[in-house]
Amino acid sequence: MRGAAAVALTVFLAGCGADGEPVQPTMNATIGYGAGGVNTWGGIGLHQGPLSIYLGF
């Protein structure tokens, strides 16, 4: 769980511009329906040059 908290903190700091220009985060959310019922999934990410961080849920 500590790793997830560290990644979330990094995403927050990069997003607010604490170390330079703010980075616009990306987000997606999907709701699907199939034989297994209703499914939801999504994620949030940051992309800066060659570095990408994505947290899925």
PDB file of N, CA and C in Angstrom:
ATOM      1  N   MET A   1       0.824  -1.201   0.000  1.00  0.00           N
ATOM      2  CA  MET A   1       0.000   0.000   0.000  1.00  0.00           C
ATOM      3  C   MET A   1       0.861   1.255   0.000  1.00  0.00           C
ATOM      4  N   ARG A   2       2.063   1.181   0.588  1.00  0.00           N
ATOM      5  CA  ARG A   2       2.943   2.349   0.596  1.00  0.00           C
ATOM      6  C   ARG A   2       3.333   2.783  -0.809  1.00  0.00           C
ATOM      7  N   GLY A   3       3.547   1.791  -1.692  1.00  0.00           N
ATOM      8  CA  GLY A   3       3.913   2.110  -3.070  1.00  0.00           C
ATOM      9  C   GLY A   3       2.818   2.893  -3.777  1.00  0.00           C
ATOM     10  N   ALA A   4       1.561   2.505  -3.555  1.00  0.00           N
ATOM     11  CA  ALA A   4       0.444   3.208  -4.180  1.00  0.00           C
ATOM     12  C   ALA A   4       0.344   4.630  -3.653  1.00  0.00           C
ATOM     13  N   ALA A   5       0.601   4.813  -2.359  1.00  0.00           N
ATOM     14  CA  ALA A   5       0.565   6.159  -1.774  1.00  0.00           C
ATOM     15  C   ALA A   5       1.686   7.020  -2.351  1.00  0.00           C
ATOM     16  N   ALA A   6       2.855   6.429  -2.561  1.00  0.00           N
ATOM     17  CA  ALA A   6       3.973   7.175  -3.145  1.00  0.00           C
ATOM     18  C   ALA A   6       3.673   7.582  -4.575  1.00  0.00           C
ATOM     19  N   VAL A   7       3.081   6.688  -5.346  1.00  0.00           N
ATOM     20  CA  VAL A   7       2.723   7.015  -6.728  1.00  0.00           C
ATOM     21  C   VAL A   7       1.664   8.110  -6.755  1.00  0.00           C
ATOM     22  N   ALA A   8       0.655   7.997  -5.878  1.00  0.00           N
ATOM     23  CA  ALA A   8      -0.391   9.018  -5.820  1.00  0.00           C
ATOM     24  C   ALA A   8       0.190  10.373  -5.452  1.00  0.00           C
ATOM     25  N   LEU A   9       1.133  10.408  -4.513  1.00  0.00           N
ATOM     26  CA  LEU A   9       1.773  11.668  -4.117  1.00  0.00           C
ATOM     27  C   LEU A   9       2.574  12.248  -5.277  1.00  0.00           C
ATOM     28  N   THR A  10       3.283  11.391  -6.006  1.00  0.00           N
ATOM     29  CA  THR A  10       4.055  11.847  -7.164  1.00  0.00           C
ATOM     30  C   THR A  10       3.140  12.439  -8.231  1.00  0.00           C
ATOM     31  N   VAL A  11       2.024  11.768  -8.500  1.00  0.00           N
ATOM     32  CA  VAL A  11       1.058  12.263  -9.480  1.00  0.00           C
ATOM     33  C   VAL A  11       0.504  13.607  -9.037  1.00  0.00           C
ATOM     34  N   PHE A  12       0.187  13.743  -7.756  1.00  0.00           N
ATOM     35  CA  PHE A  12      -0.345  15.001  -7.238  1.00  0.00           C
ATOM     36  C   PHE A  12       0.672  16.123  -7.368  1.00  0.00           C
ATOM     37  N   LEU A  13       1.914  15.872  -6.954  1.00  0.00           N
ATOM     38  CA  LEU A  13       2.941  16.919  -7.016  1.00  0.00           C
ATOM     39  C   LEU A  13       3.246  17.335  -8.451  1.00  0.00           C
ATOM     40  N   ALA A  14       3.305  16.381  -9.353  1.00  0.00           N
ATOM     41  CA  ALA A  14       3.559  16.723 -10.754  1.00  0.00           C
ATOM     42  C   ALA A  14       2.380  17.484 -11.336  1.00  0.00           C
ATOM     43  N   GLY A  15       1.183  17.123 -10.918  1.00  0.00           N
ATOM     44  CA  GLY A  15      -0.019  17.775 -11.438  1.00  0.00           C
ATOM     45  C   GLY A  15      -0.167  19.208 -10.972  1.00  0.00           C
ATOM     46  N   CYS A  16       0.310  19.515  -9.766  1.00  0.00           N
ATOM     47  CA  CYS A  16       0.132  20.869  -9.249  1.00  0.00           C
ATOM     48  C   CYS A  16       1.279  21.791  -9.630  1.00  0.00           C
ATOM     49  N   GLY A  17       2.344  21.252 -10.223  1.00  0.00           N
ATOM     50  CA  GLY A  17       3.446  22.101 -10.662  1.00  0.00           C
ATOM     51  C   GLY A  17       4.445  22.411  -9.577  1.00  0.00           C
ATOM     52  N   ALA A  18       4.561  21.566  -8.545  1.00  0.00           N
ATOM     53  CA  ALA A  18       5.495  21.805  -7.442  1.00  0.00           C
ATOM     54  C   ALA A  18       6.938  21.814  -7.918  1.00  0.00           C
ATOM     55  N   ASP A  19       7.249  21.122  -9.011  1.00  0.00           N
ATOM     56  CA  ASP A  19       8.626  21.051  -9.499  1.00  0.00           C
ATOM     57  C   ASP A  19       8.789  21.717 -10.866  1.00  0.00           C
ATOM     58  N   GLY A  20       7.878  22.548 -11.270  1.00  0.00           N
ATOM     59  CA  GLY A  20       7.951  23.213 -12.569  1.00  0.00           C
ATOM     60  C   GLY A  20       6.559  23.490 -13.090  1.00  0.00           C
ATOM     61  N   GLU A  21       6.430  23.509 -14.406  1.00  0.00           N
ATOM     62  CA  GLU A  21       5.133  23.752 -15.024  1.00  0.00           C
ATOM     63  C   GLU A  21       4.147  22.637 -14.664  1.00  0.00           C
ATOM     64  N   PRO A  22       2.878  22.979 -14.424  1.00  0.00           N
ATOM     65  CA  PRO A  22       1.880  21.944 -14.152  1.00  0.00           C
ATOM     66  C   PRO A  22       1.672  21.032 -15.364  1.00  0.00           C
ATOM     67  N   VAL A  23       1.377  19.782 -15.091  1.00  0.00           N
ATOM     68  CA  VAL A  23       1.117  18.792 -16.133  1.00  0.00           C
ATOM     69  C   VAL A  23      -0.363  18.444 -16.081  1.00  0.00           C
ATOM     70  N   GLN A  24      -1.030  18.483 -17.217  1.00  0.00           N
ATOM     71  CA  GLN A  24      -2.452  18.151 -17.288  1.00  0.00           C
ATOM     72  C   GLN A  24      -2.627  16.643 -17.154  1.00  0.00           C
ATOM     73  N   PRO A  25      -3.307  16.166 -16.112  1.00  0.00           N
ATOM     74  CA  PRO A  25      -3.530  14.721 -15.992  1.00  0.00           C
ATOM     75  C   PRO A  25      -4.585  14.239 -16.984  1.00  0.00           C
ATOM     76  N   THR A  26      -4.532  12.950 -17.299  1.00  0.00           N
ATOM     77  CA  THR A  26      -5.551  12.332 -18.143  1.00  0.00           C
ATOM     78  C   THR A  26      -6.376  11.387 -17.276  1.00  0.00           C
ATOM     79  N   MET A  27      -7.631  11.202 -17.628  1.00  0.00           N
ATOM     80  CA  MET A  27      -8.494  10.324 -16.864  1.00  0.00           C
ATOM     81  C   MET A  27      -9.463   9.635 -17.808  1.00  0.00           C
ATOM     82  N   ASN A  28      -9.777   8.387 -17.498  1.00  0.00           N
ATOM     83  CA  ASN A  28     -10.822   7.709 -18.258  1.00  0.00           C
ATOM     84  C   ASN A  28     -11.651   6.870 -17.303  1.00  0.00           C
ATOM     85  N   ALA A  29     -12.895   6.694 -17.638  1.00  0.00           N
ATOM     86  CA  ALA A  29     -13.813   5.864 -16.862  1.00  0.00           C
ATOM     87  C   ALA A  29     -14.757   5.190 -17.845  1.00  0.00           C
ATOM     88  N   THR A  30     -15.020   3.915 -17.596  1.00  0.00           N
ATOM     89  CA  THR A  30     -15.861   3.142 -18.498  1.00  0.00           C
ATOM     90  C   THR A  30     -16.850   2.314 -17.695  1.00  0.00           C
ATOM     91  N   ILE A  31     -18.049   2.239 -18.187  1.00  0.00           N
ATOM     92  CA  ILE A  31     -19.074   1.367 -17.615  1.00  0.00           C
ATOM     93  C   ILE A  31     -19.498   0.417 -18.725  1.00  0.00           C
ATOM     94  N   GLY A  32     -19.437  -0.866 -18.432  1.00  0.00           N
ATOM     95  CA  GLY A  32     -19.809  -1.854 -19.436  1.00  0.00           C
ATOM     96  C   GLY A  32     -20.841  -2.830 -18.894  1.00  0.00           C
ATOM     97  N   TYR A  33     -21.586  -3.411 -19.791  1.00  0.00           N
ATOM     98  CA  TYR A  33     -22.596  -4.389 -19.419  1.00  0.00           C
ATOM     99  C   TYR A  33     -22.409  -5.622 -20.289  1.00  0.00           C
ATOM    100  N   GLY A  34     -22.370  -6.767 -19.640  1.00  0.00           N
ATOM    101  CA  GLY A  34     -22.205  -8.012 -20.382  1.00  0.00           C
ATOM    102  C   GLY A  34     -22.874  -9.162 -19.650  1.00  0.00           C
ATOM    103  N   ALA A  35     -22.498 -10.367 -20.023  1.00  0.00           N
ATOM    104  CA  ALA A  35     -23.089 -11.559 -19.417  1.00  0.00           C
ATOM    105  C   ALA A  35     -22.817 -11.621 -17.912  1.00  0.00           C
ATOM    106  N   GLY A  36     -21.709 -11.046 -17.467  1.00  0.00           N
ATOM    107  CA  GLY A  36     -21.354 -11.053 -16.043  1.00  0.00           C
ATOM    108  C   GLY A  36     -21.985  -9.921 -15.258  1.00  0.00           C
ATOM    109  N   GLY A  37     -22.748  -9.072 -15.894  1.00  0.00           N
ATOM    110  CA  GLY A  37     -23.381  -7.941 -15.221  1.00  0.00           C
ATOM    111  C   GLY A  37     -22.726  -6.624 -15.594  1.00  0.00           C
ATOM    112  N   VAL A  38     -22.869  -5.655 -14.727  1.00  0.00           N
ATOM    113  CA  VAL A  38     -22.319  -4.319 -14.970  1.00  0.00           C
ATOM    114  C   VAL A  38     -20.894  -4.265 -14.434  1.00  0.00           C
ATOM    115  N   ASN A  39     -19.976  -3.758 -15.246  1.00  0.00           N
ATOM    116  CA  ASN A  39     -18.575  -3.602 -14.852  1.00  0.00           C
ATOM    117  C   ASN A  39     -18.174  -2.143 -14.984  1.00  0.00           C
ATOM    118  N   THR A  40     -17.349  -1.673 -14.061  1.00  0.00           N
ATOM    119  CA  THR A  40     -16.803  -0.323 -14.148  1.00  0.00           C
ATOM    120  C   THR A  40     -15.292  -0.404 -14.006  1.00  0.00           C
ATOM    121  N   TRP A  41     -14.587   0.431 -14.723  1.00  0.00           N
ATOM    122  CA  TRP A  41     -13.147   0.522 -14.594  1.00  0.00           C
ATOM    123  C   TRP A  41     -12.699   1.885 -15.087  1.00  0.00           C
ATOM    124  N   GLY A  42     -11.493   2.249 -14.746  1.00  0.00           N
ATOM    125  CA  GLY A  42     -10.976   3.541 -15.161  1.00  0.00           C
ATOM    126  C   GLY A  42      -9.565   3.733 -14.672  1.00  0.00           C
ATOM    127  N   GLY A  43      -9.084   4.938 -14.778  1.00  0.00           N
ATOM    128  CA  GLY A  43      -7.730   5.238 -14.343  1.00  0.00           C
ATOM    129  C   GLY A  43      -7.406   6.701 -14.526  1.00  0.00           C
ATOM    130  N   ILE A  44      -6.272   7.077 -13.970  1.00  0.00           N
ATOM    131  CA  ILE A  44      -5.768   8.447 -14.083  1.00  0.00           C
ATOM    132  C   ILE A  44      -4.281   8.359 -14.381  1.00  0.00           C
ATOM    133  N   GLY A  45      -3.792   9.263 -15.186  1.00  0.00           N
ATOM    134  CA  GLY A  45      -2.384   9.208 -15.555  1.00  0.00           C
ATOM    135  C   GLY A  45      -1.798  10.565 -15.849  1.00  0.00           C
ATOM    136  N   LEU A  46      -0.465  10.593 -15.874  1.00  0.00           N
ATOM    137  CA  LEU A  46       0.299  11.779 -16.246  1.00  0.00           C
ATOM    138  C   LEU A  46       1.291  11.384 -17.321  1.00  0.00           C
ATOM    139  N   HIS A  47       1.464  12.230 -18.324  1.00  0.00           N
ATOM    140  CA  HIS A  47       2.402  11.969 -19.400  1.00  0.00           C
ATOM    141  C   HIS A  47       3.268  13.210 -19.575  1.00  0.00           C
ATOM    142  N   GLN A  48       4.574  13.036 -19.395  1.00  0.00           N
ATOM    143  CA  GLN A  48       5.516  14.141 -19.551  1.00  0.00           C
ATOM    144  C   GLN A  48       6.727  13.613 -20.304  1.00  0.00           C
ATOM    145  N   GLY A  49       6.855  13.984 -21.564  1.00  0.00           N
ATOM    146  CA  GLY A  49       7.970  13.493 -22.367  1.00  0.00           C
ATOM    147  C   GLY A  49       7.951  11.974 -22.451  1.00  0.00           C
ATOM    148  N   PRO A  50       9.084  11.332 -22.159  1.00  0.00           N
ATOM    149  CA  PRO A  50       9.132   9.862 -22.245  1.00  0.00           C
ATOM    150  C   PRO A  50       8.564   9.157 -21.006  1.00  0.00           C
ATOM    151  N   LEU A  51       8.193   9.904 -19.969  1.00  0.00           N
ATOM    152  CA  LEU A  51       7.702   9.327 -18.716  1.00  0.00           C
ATOM    153  C   LEU A  51       6.182   9.325 -18.666  1.00  0.00           C
ATOM    154  N   SER A  52       5.616   8.179 -18.332  1.00  0.00           N
ATOM    155  CA  SER A  52       4.169   8.060 -18.167  1.00  0.00           C
ATOM    156  C   SER A  52       3.878   7.308 -16.880  1.00  0.00           C
ATOM    157  N   ILE A  53       2.931   7.806 -16.113  1.00  0.00           N
ATOM    158  CA  ILE A  53       2.468   7.150 -14.880  1.00  0.00           C
ATOM    159  C   ILE A  53       0.970   6.970 -15.017  1.00  0.00           C
ATOM    160  N   TYR A  54       0.487   5.746 -14.809  1.00  0.00           N
ATOM    161  CA  TYR A  54      -0.932   5.466 -14.932  1.00  0.00           C
ATOM    162  C   TYR A  54      -1.378   4.619 -13.746  1.00  0.00           C
ATOM    163  N   LEU A  55      -2.445   5.018 -13.097  1.00  0.00           N
ATOM    164  CA  LEU A  55      -3.034   4.294 -11.988  1.00  0.00           C
ATOM    165  C   LEU A  55      -4.414   3.832 -12.401  1.00  0.00           C
ATOM    166  N   GLY A  56      -4.627   2.537 -12.502  1.00  0.00           N
ATOM    167  CA  GLY A  56      -5.928   2.003 -12.905  1.00  0.00           C
ATOM    168  C   GLY A  56      -6.736   1.553 -11.710  1.00  0.00           C
ATOM    169  N   PHE A  57      -8.029   1.638 -11.836  1.00  0.00           N
ATOM    170  CA  PHE A  57      -8.924   1.148 -10.780  1.00  0.00           C
ATOM    171  C   PHE A  57     -10.128   0.483 -11.383  1.00  0.00           C
TER     172      PHE A  57
END
